[in-house]
Protein backbone atom coordinates (compact mmCIF):
# COMPACT_ATOMS: atom_id res chain seq x y z
CA MET A 1 9.93 -53.25 37.88
CA GLN A 2 7.20 -55.63 36.14
CA PHE A 3 5.98 -58.88 37.96
CA ALA A 4 6.26 -61.13 34.32
CA SER A 5 5.65 -64.53 35.62
CA LEU A 6 4.93 -67.06 38.44
CA ARG A 7 5.58 -70.35 38.56
CA VAL A 8 4.11 -72.50 41.58
CA ARG A 9 4.16 -75.55 42.38
CA ASN A 10 3.20 -77.64 45.93
CA TYR A 11 1.00 -74.38 47.01
CA ARG A 12 -2.42 -75.63 48.40
CA SER A 13 -4.57 -76.59 45.71
CA ILE A 14 -1.60 -76.45 43.13
CA GLY A 15 0.44 -79.70 42.52
CA SER A 16 1.93 -79.97 39.71
CA GLU A 17 3.67 -76.94 38.25
CA GLN A 18 1.73 -74.15 36.99
CA THR A 19 2.77 -70.71 35.41
CA LEU A 20 1.12 -67.65 34.88
CA ASP A 21 2.30 -64.94 32.47
CA ILE A 22 1.76 -61.79 33.66
CA PRO A 23 0.49 -58.75 31.55
CA LYS A 24 -0.46 -55.54 32.85
CA GLN A 25 -3.67 -56.77 33.73
CA LEU A 26 -4.83 -60.24 34.11
CA THR A 27 -8.01 -62.63 34.80
CA VAL A 28 -8.49 -66.34 36.19
CA VAL A 29 -11.58 -67.74 35.34
CA GLY A 30 -12.99 -70.62 36.66
CA PRO A 31 -15.93 -71.86 38.98
CA ASN A 32 -15.43 -71.90 43.05
CA ASN A 33 -13.18 -74.03 44.81
CA SER A 34 -10.82 -74.34 41.26
CA GLY A 35 -8.02 -72.42 42.73
CA LYS A 36 -8.46 -69.45 42.22
CA THR A 37 -7.94 -67.85 45.48
CA ASN A 38 -4.69 -69.95 46.11
CA LEU A 39 -3.21 -68.58 42.54
CA LEU A 40 -3.71 -65.07 44.14
CA LYS A 41 -2.15 -65.85 47.64
CA ALA A 42 0.78 -67.63 46.07
CA PHE A 43 1.84 -64.34 44.18
CA ARG A 44 1.43 -62.54 47.80
CA MET A 45 3.49 -65.76 49.65
CA PHE A 46 6.21 -64.67 46.90
CA PHE A 47 6.51 -61.54 48.78
CA THR A 48 6.51 -63.09 52.29
CA GLY A 49 10.38 -62.08 52.97
CA PHE A 50 12.92 -63.58 54.63
CA ASP A 51 10.71 -62.66 58.23
CA ASN A 52 7.52 -64.90 56.54
CA LEU A 53 5.50 -61.93 56.66
CA TYR A 54 2.30 -64.00 55.47
CA ARG A 55 2.99 -66.83 57.37
CA TYR A 56 3.73 -69.65 55.53
CA ASP A 57 2.36 -72.30 57.11
CA ARG A 58 3.48 -76.05 55.64
CA SER A 59 0.21 -77.86 57.78
CA ALA A 60 -2.27 -75.55 55.66
CA ASP A 61 -0.21 -74.49 52.68
CA LEU A 62 1.55 -77.49 51.35
CA THR A 63 -0.42 -79.30 48.70
CA PHE A 64 -2.15 -82.24 50.56
CA ASP A 65 -0.08 -85.35 50.33
CA LYS A 66 2.70 -84.11 49.17
CA ASN A 67 4.17 -84.60 53.31
CA ARG A 68 8.33 -84.63 51.48
CA GLU A 69 8.10 -82.15 48.94
CA GLN A 70 8.49 -78.52 49.24
CA THR A 71 6.47 -75.45 48.13
CA THR A 72 8.11 -73.40 45.45
CA LEU A 73 7.51 -70.23 43.86
CA VAL A 74 9.82 -68.76 40.74
CA ALA A 75 8.81 -65.36 39.87
CA THR A 76 10.35 -63.50 36.69
CA PHE A 77 11.00 -59.85 36.55
CA SER A 78 11.59 -57.42 33.93
CA SER A 79 13.20 -54.15 34.18
CA GLY A 80 11.41 -51.09 33.34
CA GLY A 81 14.26 -49.09 32.89
CA THR A 82 14.19 -47.07 36.08
CA ALA A 83 16.96 -46.21 38.31
CA LYS A 84 15.52 -48.38 41.21
CA ASP A 85 15.42 -51.09 38.63
CA LYS A 86 19.02 -50.64 37.09
CA SER A 87 19.92 -50.70 41.02
CA ILE A 88 18.31 -54.40 41.35
CA LEU A 89 19.93 -55.48 38.21
CA ASP A 90 23.25 -54.43 39.42
CA SER A 91 22.51 -56.06 42.60
CA TYR A 92 21.60 -59.40 40.69
CA ASP A 93 24.90 -59.05 38.62
CA ARG A 94 26.76 -58.88 42.07
CA VAL A 95 24.70 -62.14 43.41
CA LEU A 96 25.82 -63.45 39.82
CA ALA A 97 29.66 -62.86 39.71
CA LEU A 98 30.50 -65.59 42.61
CA TYR A 99 29.09 -68.08 41.06
CA GLU A 100 31.54 -70.79 39.43
CA PRO A 101 31.93 -70.49 36.87
CA VAL A 102 30.92 -66.81 36.27
CA ARG A 103 27.64 -66.79 35.01
CA SER A 104 25.70 -63.49 33.43
CA ARG A 105 22.09 -62.18 32.77
CA GLU A 106 20.94 -62.25 29.65
CA GLY A 107 19.13 -58.91 29.09
CA ASP A 108 16.66 -57.44 31.54
CA GLU A 109 14.95 -60.31 33.03
CA PHE A 110 15.78 -62.91 36.30
CA GLN A 111 14.34 -65.11 37.94
CA ILE A 112 14.36 -65.63 41.94
CA GLN A 113 12.91 -68.60 43.62
CA LEU A 114 11.92 -69.18 47.52
CA ILE A 115 11.18 -72.60 48.47
CA PHE A 116 10.10 -73.44 51.91
CA SER A 117 11.74 -75.60 54.32
CA ASN A 118 9.87 -78.53 56.36
CA ALA A 119 10.18 -76.36 59.32
CA GLY A 120 8.19 -73.86 57.02
CA ASN A 121 11.08 -70.87 56.85
CA PRO A 122 11.11 -68.95 53.48
CA THR A 123 14.70 -69.78 51.23
CA TYR A 124 15.40 -67.34 48.54
CA ARG A 125 18.13 -68.08 45.60
CA LEU A 126 18.58 -67.49 41.71
CA SER A 127 16.22 -69.93 40.13
CA SER A 128 16.99 -73.25 40.79
CA ASP A 129 20.78 -72.39 41.93
CA SER A 130 22.18 -72.97 45.38
CA THR A 131 25.12 -71.87 47.19
CA SER A 132 26.90 -75.60 46.45
CA LYS A 133 27.79 -73.47 43.13
CA VAL A 134 29.89 -70.44 44.96
CA SER A 135 33.05 -70.95 46.42
CA LYS A 136 33.41 -71.46 50.10
CA GLU A 137 35.34 -68.27 50.64
CA ASN A 138 32.92 -66.40 48.62
CA GLN A 139 29.63 -67.88 50.85
CA ALA A 140 29.12 -65.29 53.14
CA SER A 141 29.49 -62.61 50.17
CA HIS A 142 26.61 -64.31 48.65
CA SER A 143 24.70 -64.65 51.44
CA ARG A 144 24.91 -60.87 52.45
CA LEU A 145 24.12 -59.91 48.71
CA LEU A 146 21.02 -61.98 48.28
CA ARG A 147 19.75 -61.02 51.47
CA GLN A 148 20.18 -57.26 50.07
CA LEU A 149 18.82 -58.01 46.73
CA ILE A 150 16.02 -60.01 48.11
CA GLU A 151 15.34 -57.01 50.27
CA GLU A 152 15.47 -54.75 47.35
CA VAL A 153 13.00 -56.49 45.07
CA VAL A 154 10.26 -56.95 47.82
CA GLY A 155 10.58 -53.62 48.80
CA SER A 156 10.02 -52.21 45.41
CA PHE A 157 6.65 -53.58 45.48
CA SER A 158 3.36 -52.65 47.55
CA ILE A 159 1.58 -55.74 47.62
CA HIS A 160 -2.18 -55.41 48.00
CA TYR A 161 -4.50 -58.41 48.38
CA VAL A 162 -8.07 -57.90 48.48
CA PRO A 163 -10.36 -60.68 49.56
CA SER A 164 -13.81 -61.00 48.16
CA SER A 165 -14.81 -61.22 52.13
CA SER A 166 -13.80 -57.96 52.95
CA ASN A 167 -16.03 -55.24 53.65
CA SER A 168 -15.85 -51.80 52.40
CA GLU A 169 -14.90 -50.81 56.34
CA GLN A 170 -12.37 -53.20 56.88
CA LEU A 171 -10.53 -52.07 52.86
CA PHE A 172 -11.20 -48.30 53.43
CA GLU A 173 -9.39 -48.82 57.60
CA GLU A 174 -6.64 -51.17 55.88
CA LEU A 175 -5.74 -49.68 52.46
CA VAL A 176 -7.45 -46.52 52.25
CA SER A 177 -7.23 -44.76 55.25
CA PRO A 178 -3.35 -45.24 55.86
CA LEU A 179 -2.43 -43.71 52.67
CA LEU A 180 -5.06 -40.76 53.14
CA LYS A 181 -3.68 -40.06 56.46
CA SER A 182 -0.10 -40.23 54.75
CA SER A 183 -0.89 -37.74 52.39
CA VAL A 184 -3.18 -35.53 54.03
CA ALA A 185 0.17 -35.68 56.64
CA LYS A 186 2.17 -34.57 53.58
CA GLN A 187 0.32 -31.50 52.59
CA VAL A 188 -0.32 -30.31 55.87
CA ARG A 189 3.21 -30.82 57.30
CA ALA A 190 3.82 -27.08 57.55
CA ASP A 191 0.88 -26.25 59.59
CA VAL A 192 1.27 -29.36 61.76
CA GLU A 193 5.43 -27.96 62.71
CA LYS A 194 3.08 -24.83 64.14
CA LEU A 195 0.72 -27.09 66.07
CA VAL A 196 3.97 -28.77 67.11
CA GLU A 197 5.17 -24.99 68.72
CA ALA A 198 2.24 -24.28 69.82
CA LEU A 199 1.67 -27.54 71.98
CA ASP A 200 5.48 -26.57 73.06
CA GLY A 201 4.53 -23.67 74.42
CA VAL A 202 1.82 -25.43 76.55
CA SER A 203 4.07 -28.20 77.73
CA ARG A 204 6.74 -25.33 78.98
CA ASP A 205 3.88 -23.40 80.49
CA LEU A 206 2.47 -26.27 82.95
CA THR A 207 5.96 -27.52 83.54
CA ASP A 208 6.46 -23.83 84.98
CA THR A 209 3.48 -24.14 86.92
CA LEU A 210 4.39 -27.77 88.14
CA THR A 211 7.78 -26.63 89.32
CA ALA A 212 6.56 -23.52 90.90
CA SER A 213 4.25 -25.88 93.06
CA GLY A 214 7.39 -27.61 93.97
CA LEU A 215 7.48 -30.38 91.88
CA ALA A 216 10.54 -29.62 89.82
CA ASP A 217 11.28 -33.32 88.60
CA LEU A 218 8.28 -33.14 86.40
CA THR A 219 8.18 -32.28 83.13
CA VAL A 220 5.60 -31.73 80.74
CA ARG A 221 5.50 -33.16 77.04
CA PHE A 222 2.95 -32.82 74.57
CA GLY A 223 2.94 -34.09 70.97
CA VAL A 224 1.83 -34.95 67.62
CA PRO A 225 2.48 -38.49 66.95
CA ASN A 226 4.09 -40.07 63.77
CA ILE A 227 4.11 -37.01 62.09
CA GLU A 228 4.98 -38.55 58.83
CA THR A 229 2.33 -41.41 58.64
CA GLY A 230 -0.34 -39.33 59.89
CA LEU A 231 -1.38 -41.36 62.66
CA TYR A 232 -2.32 -38.10 64.23
CA LEU A 233 -5.36 -37.93 62.19
CA SER A 234 -7.34 -40.31 63.93
CA TYR A 235 -10.83 -40.17 61.02
CA PHE A 236 -12.00 -39.36 58.32
CA SER A 237 -15.90 -39.40 57.11
CA PHE A 238 -16.34 -40.86 53.70
CA ASP A 239 -19.52 -39.80 52.28
CA LEU A 240 -21.69 -40.10 48.86
CA SER A 241 -24.13 -37.79 47.90
CA ASP A 242 -26.98 -39.44 45.41
CA PRO A 243 -28.27 -36.20 46.18
CA ASP A 244 -28.72 -37.14 49.64
CA GLU A 245 -25.16 -36.90 51.50
CA THR A 246 -24.53 -40.01 53.67
CA SER A 247 -21.93 -42.02 55.07
CA ILE A 248 -20.61 -44.63 52.11
CA PHE A 249 -20.76 -47.05 54.31
CA ASP A 250 -24.46 -46.70 54.40
CA LYS A 251 -24.83 -46.96 50.51
CA GLY A 252 -25.70 -50.03 48.76
CA ARG A 253 -23.05 -52.98 48.69
CA GLY A 254 -22.71 -52.42 44.71
CA ILE A 255 -22.17 -48.70 45.64
CA GLN A 256 -19.71 -49.27 48.19
CA ALA A 257 -17.69 -51.64 46.18
CA LEU A 258 -17.45 -49.10 43.18
CA ALA A 259 -16.48 -46.43 45.76
CA MET A 260 -13.30 -48.80 47.02
CA PHE A 261 -12.39 -49.68 43.35
CA ALA A 262 -11.98 -45.80 42.83
CA CYS A 263 -10.02 -45.49 46.15
CA PHE A 264 -7.36 -48.42 44.76
CA ALA A 265 -7.04 -46.36 41.51
CA TRP A 266 -5.81 -43.22 43.85
CA ILE A 267 -3.83 -45.43 46.11
CA ALA A 268 -2.20 -47.27 42.92
CA GLU A 269 -1.38 -43.77 41.00
CA GLN A 270 0.49 -42.47 44.41
CA GLU A 271 2.72 -45.84 44.86
CA ALA A 272 3.54 -45.32 41.39
CA LYS A 273 4.31 -42.05 41.47
CA ALA A 274 6.41 -42.43 45.11
CA GLY A 275 8.55 -44.73 42.80
CA LEU A 276 6.86 -48.26 44.04
CA ASN A 277 5.42 -51.21 41.69
CA SER A 278 2.05 -51.62 43.07
CA LEU A 279 0.36 -54.86 42.73
CA TRP A 280 -3.26 -55.75 43.17
CA LEU A 281 -4.53 -59.01 43.97
CA ILE A 282 -8.08 -58.37 43.92
CA GLU A 283 -10.47 -61.49 44.46
CA GLU A 284 -14.28 -61.70 42.51
CA PRO A 285 -14.63 -57.62 42.29
CA GLU A 286 -17.89 -58.66 41.15
CA SER A 287 -18.99 -59.59 44.69
CA TYR A 288 -21.77 -57.13 45.82
CA LEU A 289 -22.62 -55.75 42.39
CA ASN A 290 -25.32 -56.19 40.00
CA PRO A 291 -24.71 -57.09 36.60
CA GLU A 292 -25.53 -53.51 35.28
CA LEU A 293 -22.51 -52.20 37.25
CA TYR A 294 -20.23 -54.80 35.71
CA SER A 295 -18.88 -52.15 33.47
CA ASN A 296 -18.27 -49.49 35.65
CA ALA A 297 -16.36 -51.97 37.65
CA LEU A 298 -14.02 -53.01 34.51
CA GLN A 299 -12.97 -49.18 33.73
CA LEU A 300 -12.01 -48.67 37.56
CA LEU A 301 -9.83 -51.77 37.58
CA ALA A 302 -9.17 -50.39 34.12
CA GLN A 303 -7.92 -47.30 35.79
CA ILE A 304 -6.14 -49.61 39.03
CA GLY A 305 -3.87 -51.11 36.04
CA ALA A 306 -3.08 -47.49 34.04
CA HIS A 307 -0.76 -47.64 37.48
CA ALA A 308 -0.26 -51.25 38.50
CA GLN A 309 -0.30 -54.85 37.77
CA VAL A 310 -3.97 -56.42 38.07
CA VAL A 311 -4.32 -59.75 39.06
CA THR A 312 -8.24 -60.62 39.37
CA THR A 313 -10.58 -63.43 40.22
CA THR A 314 -14.06 -63.89 38.68
CA HIS A 315 -16.69 -66.78 37.84
CA ALA A 316 -18.80 -63.89 36.26
CA LEU A 317 -18.98 -64.34 32.23
CA GLY A 318 -19.68 -60.58 32.26
CA MET A 319 -16.35 -59.69 33.96
CA VAL A 320 -14.15 -61.99 31.39
CA PRO A 321 -11.60 -59.56 29.41
CA ALA A 322 -12.36 -58.92 25.79
CA SER A 323 -8.73 -60.16 24.62
CA PRO A 324 -7.68 -63.83 25.66
CA GLU A 325 -4.16 -62.40 26.35
CA PHE A 326 -5.61 -60.99 29.75
CA VAL A 327 -7.58 -64.38 30.29
CA VAL A 328 -6.32 -67.34 32.15
CA GLY A 329 -8.82 -70.33 32.99
CA SER A 330 -8.45 -72.32 36.58
CA SER A 331 -10.21 -75.88 37.10
CA LEU A 332 -9.54 -78.73 38.75
CA ASP A 333 -8.20 -82.30 36.85
CA PHE A 334 -9.09 -85.73 38.33
CA ASP A 335 -6.94 -85.52 41.34
CA SER A 336 -8.42 -82.32 42.48
CA ARG A 337 -5.48 -80.39 41.78
CA THR A 338 -5.40 -76.91 40.08
CA ILE A 339 -5.05 -76.43 36.80
CA LEU A 340 -4.66 -73.36 34.10
CA THR A 341 -5.34 -73.15 30.76
CA LYS A 342 -5.00 -70.55 28.12
CA PHE A 343 -7.51 -69.60 25.33
CA SER A 344 -6.80 -68.81 21.93
CA THR A 345 -10.40 -66.57 22.06
CA SER A 346 -12.27 -64.73 24.66
CA GLN A 347 -15.20 -66.95 23.54
CA HIS A 348 -13.38 -70.12 24.54
CA ALA A 349 -12.56 -68.46 28.02
CA THR A 350 -16.28 -67.99 28.43
CA ALA A 351 -17.50 -71.13 27.45
CA ALA A 352 -15.43 -72.75 29.20
CA LEU A 353 -16.93 -70.38 32.37
CA ARG A 354 -20.21 -71.82 31.48
CA ASP A 355 -19.41 -75.30 31.02
CA SER A 356 -17.54 -75.41 34.64
CA LEU A 357 -21.16 -73.24 36.28
CA GLY A 358 -23.36 -75.25 34.52
CA VAL A 359 -24.56 -72.32 32.22
CA ARG A 360 -25.02 -72.80 28.58
CA PHE A 361 -24.83 -70.19 26.46
CA SER A 362 -28.24 -70.94 24.78
CA ASP A 363 -29.42 -69.74 28.35
CA PHE A 364 -29.29 -66.49 27.94
CA PHE A 365 -31.57 -66.37 25.08
CA GLY A 366 -34.08 -68.66 26.84
CA LEU A 367 -33.63 -71.57 24.78
CA THR A 368 -35.17 -74.81 25.25
CA GLU A 369 -33.97 -78.31 24.73
CA LEU A 370 -36.08 -78.48 20.69
CA ASN A 371 -35.92 -74.94 19.08
CA ILE A 372 -37.42 -73.75 15.52
CA PHE A 373 -36.25 -70.51 14.22
CA THR A 374 -38.66 -68.94 11.44
CA GLU A 375 -38.74 -65.63 9.81
CA GLY A 376 -41.75 -64.66 10.99
CA GLU A 377 -44.82 -65.06 13.74
CA SER A 378 -47.19 -66.27 10.68
CA ASP A 379 -44.97 -69.24 9.64
CA ILE A 380 -45.47 -70.30 13.35
CA THR A 381 -48.93 -70.37 13.10
CA LEU A 382 -49.20 -72.44 9.48
CA LEU A 383 -46.34 -74.69 11.10
CA LYS A 384 -48.59 -75.98 14.13
CA TRP A 385 -52.14 -76.34 12.39
CA ALA A 386 -50.34 -78.45 9.80
CA SER A 387 -48.36 -80.19 12.37
CA GLU A 388 -51.65 -81.04 14.65
CA GLN A 389 -53.45 -81.80 11.61
CA LEU A 390 -51.06 -84.34 10.17
CA GLY A 391 -51.00 -86.36 13.45
CA GLY A 392 -49.64 -83.92 15.77
CA GLU A 393 -47.52 -85.40 18.84
CA ALA A 394 -48.12 -89.33 17.68
CA ILE A 395 -46.06 -88.37 14.40
CA PHE A 396 -44.06 -85.78 15.01
CA PRO A 397 -43.04 -85.75 18.72
CA SER A 398 -40.17 -83.11 19.05
CA LEU A 399 -41.93 -80.66 16.47
CA THR A 400 -44.72 -80.34 18.60
CA ALA A 401 -42.76 -80.31 21.85
CA ALA A 402 -40.30 -77.71 20.27
CA SER A 403 -40.36 -74.25 21.12
CA PHE A 404 -40.75 -71.69 18.48
CA ARG A 405 -38.80 -68.18 17.57
CA SER A 406 -39.66 -65.38 14.92
CA PHE A 407 -37.52 -63.41 14.00
CA GLY A 408 -39.35 -60.57 12.22
CA GLY A 409 -37.84 -61.07 8.92
CA THR A 410 -34.54 -62.33 7.10
CA THR A 411 -32.05 -59.97 7.98
CA ASP A 412 -32.89 -59.93 12.08
CA LEU A 413 -32.74 -64.18 11.67
CA SER A 414 -29.13 -64.16 9.94
CA GLY A 415 -28.18 -61.55 12.31
CA PHE A 416 -28.35 -63.64 15.20
CA LEU A 417 -27.56 -66.74 13.86
CA LYS A 418 -23.99 -64.88 12.33
CA ALA A 419 -23.57 -63.79 15.87
CA ASN A 420 -24.63 -66.93 17.95
CA TYR A 421 -25.42 -70.46 16.27
CA ILE A 422 -21.74 -71.64 16.36
CA HIS A 423 -22.23 -71.30 20.15
CA ILE A 424 -25.84 -72.40 20.18
CA ARG A 425 -25.70 -75.33 17.81
CA PRO A 426 -23.61 -77.82 20.38
CA GLU A 427 -25.98 -77.30 23.22
CA ARG A 428 -29.61 -77.53 21.84
CA ALA A 429 -31.85 -78.85 18.94
CA VAL A 430 -32.39 -75.65 17.05
CA VAL A 431 -33.38 -75.91 13.17
CA THR A 432 -34.51 -72.66 10.89
CA VAL A 433 -37.48 -72.69 8.48
CA LEU A 434 -37.14 -70.69 5.88
CA ASP A 435 -38.66 -69.91 2.78
CA GLY A 436 -37.57 -70.79 -0.52
CA ASP A 437 -37.78 -67.49 -1.93
CA ILE A 438 -34.69 -65.40 -2.59
CA ALA A 439 -34.26 -63.67 0.36
CA GLY A 440 -34.52 -67.12 1.91
CA VAL A 441 -31.49 -69.08 -0.25
CA LYS A 442 -29.49 -65.94 0.60
CA VAL A 443 -30.04 -66.44 4.39
CA THR A 444 -28.25 -70.06 3.47
CA ARG A 445 -25.77 -69.05 1.60
CA GLU A 446 -24.64 -66.28 3.94
CA ILE A 447 -24.96 -68.73 7.33
CA ASN A 448 -22.99 -71.77 5.10
CA GLY A 449 -20.01 -69.56 4.24
CA TYR A 450 -19.94 -67.69 7.87
CA MET A 451 -19.81 -71.23 9.48
CA THR A 452 -17.85 -72.73 6.93
CA ASN A 453 -14.99 -70.61 7.98
CA LYS A 454 -15.41 -71.27 11.25
CA GLY A 455 -14.72 -74.74 10.55
CA SER A 456 -18.34 -75.96 10.18
CA GLY A 457 -21.60 -75.63 7.71
CA PHE A 458 -24.99 -75.18 7.54
CA GLN A 459 -26.31 -78.11 6.43
CA ALA A 460 -30.07 -78.58 4.87
CA ASN A 461 -32.34 -80.84 6.42
CA VAL A 462 -30.06 -80.78 9.39
CA ASP A 463 -29.26 -77.08 10.46
CA TYR A 464 -32.08 -75.66 8.31
CA VAL A 465 -35.19 -76.75 6.30
CA MET A 466 -36.34 -74.85 3.41
CA VAL A 467 -40.06 -75.02 2.14
CA ARG A 468 -40.76 -75.39 -1.71
CA ASN A 469 -38.46 -74.34 -4.27
CA GLY A 470 -39.29 -70.30 -4.89
CA HIS A 471 -41.78 -69.73 -2.98
CA ALA A 472 -42.63 -68.37 0.97
CA ILE A 473 -44.15 -70.56 3.08
CA GLU A 474 -47.73 -70.38 1.56
CA GLY A 475 -46.50 -72.34 -1.55
CA LEU A 476 -47.05 -75.50 0.63
CA PHE A 477 -50.18 -75.42 -0.12
CA PRO A 478 -51.72 -77.06 -3.45
CA ASP A 479 -51.20 -74.40 -6.92
CA ASP A 480 -55.68 -75.49 -7.35
CA TYR A 481 -56.13 -73.28 -3.74
CA LEU A 482 -53.62 -70.77 -4.57
CA ARG A 483 -55.51 -70.31 -7.81
CA GLU A 484 -58.67 -69.72 -6.07
CA ALA A 485 -57.08 -67.48 -3.47
CA ASN A 486 -56.43 -65.07 -6.73
CA ALA A 487 -59.63 -65.72 -7.91
CA VAL A 488 -61.31 -64.42 -4.55
CA ASP A 489 -59.31 -61.43 -4.27
CA SER A 490 -56.48 -60.08 -6.70
CA THR A 491 -55.52 -57.62 -4.26
CA TRP A 492 -54.07 -60.08 -2.38
CA PHE A 493 -50.68 -60.79 -4.48
CA GLU A 494 -48.93 -57.99 -5.57
CA ASP A 495 -47.26 -60.80 -8.35
CA TRP A 496 -48.87 -63.23 -10.03
CA VAL A 497 -47.30 -65.57 -12.75
CA VAL A 498 -48.52 -68.03 -14.28
CA ASP A 499 -46.92 -70.12 -18.12
CA ALA A 500 -48.39 -70.99 -21.33
CA ALA A 501 -50.43 -73.43 -19.85
CA GLY A 502 -51.64 -71.67 -16.97
CA GLU A 503 -49.47 -73.36 -14.42
CA LEU A 504 -47.98 -70.96 -11.10
CA VAL A 505 -44.59 -70.19 -11.83
CA ASP A 506 -44.47 -67.52 -9.09
CA PHE A 507 -46.42 -65.32 -6.43
CA ARG A 508 -45.88 -62.90 -3.84
CA ILE A 509 -49.16 -62.18 -1.23
CA ALA A 510 -49.04 -58.45 -0.44
CA SER A 511 -47.90 -57.69 3.09
CA HIS A 512 -51.24 -55.95 4.05
CA ALA A 513 -52.80 -59.10 2.99
CA LYS A 514 -50.91 -61.84 4.31
CA ARG A 515 -53.19 -63.43 7.36
CA GLY A 516 -55.91 -63.11 5.42
CA VAL A 517 -54.56 -65.65 2.86
CA GLN A 518 -53.31 -67.38 5.21
CA GLU A 519 -56.73 -68.07 7.12
CA TRP A 520 -58.66 -68.33 4.06
CA LEU A 521 -56.08 -71.04 3.09
CA VAL A 522 -56.09 -72.74 6.48
CA GLU A 523 -59.78 -72.71 6.00
CA ARG A 524 -60.28 -73.81 2.35
CA SER A 525 -57.73 -77.33 3.44
CA GLN A 526 -60.43 -78.36 6.54
CA ARG A 527 -62.89 -78.03 3.83
CA ALA A 528 -60.80 -80.59 1.78
CA SER A 529 -62.61 -84.23 2.18
CA THR A 530 -59.30 -85.68 3.49
CA THR A 531 -56.07 -84.14 4.18
CA SER A 532 -54.13 -85.80 0.96
CA GLU A 533 -55.52 -83.20 -1.01
CA TRP A 534 -53.35 -80.94 0.30
CA ASP A 535 -50.58 -82.60 2.64
CA SER A 536 -47.94 -83.88 -0.67
CA ARG A 537 -45.85 -80.71 -0.28
CA TRP A 538 -46.42 -80.16 3.66
CA VAL A 539 -45.68 -83.54 4.54
CA PRO A 540 -41.54 -83.67 3.68
CA VAL A 541 -41.45 -80.46 5.20
CA LEU A 542 -42.51 -81.63 8.26
CA THR A 543 -40.79 -84.40 8.31
CA ALA A 544 -37.41 -82.91 7.82
CA ILE A 545 -38.08 -80.93 10.83
CA GLU A 546 -38.84 -83.82 13.01
CA THR A 547 -35.95 -85.95 11.81
CA ALA A 548 -33.53 -82.96 12.16
CA LEU A 549 -34.94 -82.46 16.25
CA SER A 550 -34.99 -85.95 16.88
CA THR A 551 -31.18 -86.49 15.83
CA TRP A 552 -29.42 -83.99 17.37
CA ARG A 553 -26.94 -84.83 19.88
CA PRO A 554 -25.22 -82.62 22.34
CA GLY A 555 -21.98 -81.30 21.33
CA ARG A 556 -22.24 -81.05 17.22
CA LYS A 557 -19.73 -78.91 15.83
């Protein structure tokens, strides 16, 4: 039997009806105090049964200020085709047959509704139907068959709620140890029966001894209690070697948590073999884990999910599933009530979580409020020098305050922008400075095409600033300076192209000489009598960078 969905109304922080569709594995993401734990408890509460096993308390469990309303949980189940599932469907059909007019089930899904009275007592019924639709002579049969159905459904599930506050020793004693004992008990049953026989023999001998002493009314009985459940097995040690063998409970909390997840996977497998529908409600599995252990935890959770349904909660970005169908978001509305959100992509899920936690995507890259990306370190050196020479903070306050980051070439820069710029742009002011050569133009085309497919573009003098057309950043210096440099040492240039009039058409500085040429050009500029001798190309570039940084606004798409 598969738990297909749960509708919740008026339970704890959940006011208006919220619906969770439940795949094999589901992760509820959201900040603290957004109702994630209440959702897990709502799952468990559905299985409280007629005896109210999980002790619904109206004063604590009914949504605050909903005094006249009732908590309602509606579960949808789908059959897996097993013999037990078919039996449940037959029981469901027998209840349906008592309604007037007679109703029939559609497909292999069915719904059961649970509401709680003003006294906090659970009442189960089929969806929103009530006994008023059952004739008087059939009401007794309806009550009996409905009770049988509910007991079958509840009894077919094994519910495990794992709060983040529980330590490993508690979890071992409450969840692992009982199943471990019963499992071992089954395997040693033949040996235990021999033990019982031996104890019976000792019992008879002691009884005979008492009888011989005149105490004929006394009978001794040694036995093994709870043979089926294995409760006679009082204690198991649980050790790990790494390589020194010590108790699991003396290890670090992260290793303890992973060991517990491994135990849960074993329990889920054993319950599946026993024909039980295992449902695990695990609160913040990242508790006590260092981020480097998240991948191990996810693998173990997947192993649990191979034999059971698993619903987890998290506010750790590293624990958000890659597929959006396995994620639902929790947040609070203006009335501090829990609302659920589905996501079209996992990026939307992580973005929503980051926003709710006050964490920005750009924080992972150490970006500041103002940022300038360049192809290489030498570009940074020249931009800082030029801006300082041409007015510094007084003329270019945003540029002067910005953080610079180089990417070692256009390939790495392009890859970074494709992977991250669409997430960074709404959060931080970023301007990419590109050479006007073939490689720089290629980057602008690639990123513009990529961003356009995502619903936005990559705009000149907004997202990027390109230096002199056809040239690298050194082309911002006067052509006369470049000709002087070439005259000083022609080996500095791998390419040097001029037209018939001797005007510079193209140049390319040799990689080994790049730093030397830049230093020569800077020194030559500083010997100029006035900055106007060399600043005509620099000023438009610096001004465009300054304008792009200063006019950026948060949330820009």
